[in-house]
Amino acid sequence: MITPRQIRAARALLGWTQEMLADTALVALTALKRLESDRLDVRDTTRAAVRKALEEHGVIFLSSARGLGVMLVDQPEDTPAAPQDTSGQKRG
């Protein structure tokens, strides 16, 4: 199972806001916020949709005896581009 910390790290690697990830994963923003804050009342379908969206954009979730992590790999040309931030806010 992926952890909230891994999700936040994966989002940071992609340069995505919570809104962008929620839109890409087709989940409610409030559900994503609950997932990232480690609340237990998150549906398995939400967790799976978030993981799938991140993996489809090059994120690999790592788990070993040394700990957990994430890695971003280059994507082939035919992979869909990252969603556009339409909020008008600068990321940084």
Foldseek 3Di string as FASTA:
>chain_A
DDALVQLVVLCVVLLHDLVQLCVQLVHDSVLNVCRNVPHPPHDPSSVVSSVVSSVLQAKDWDQDPVGTHIDGDDDDPPRDDRDDDPPPDDGD
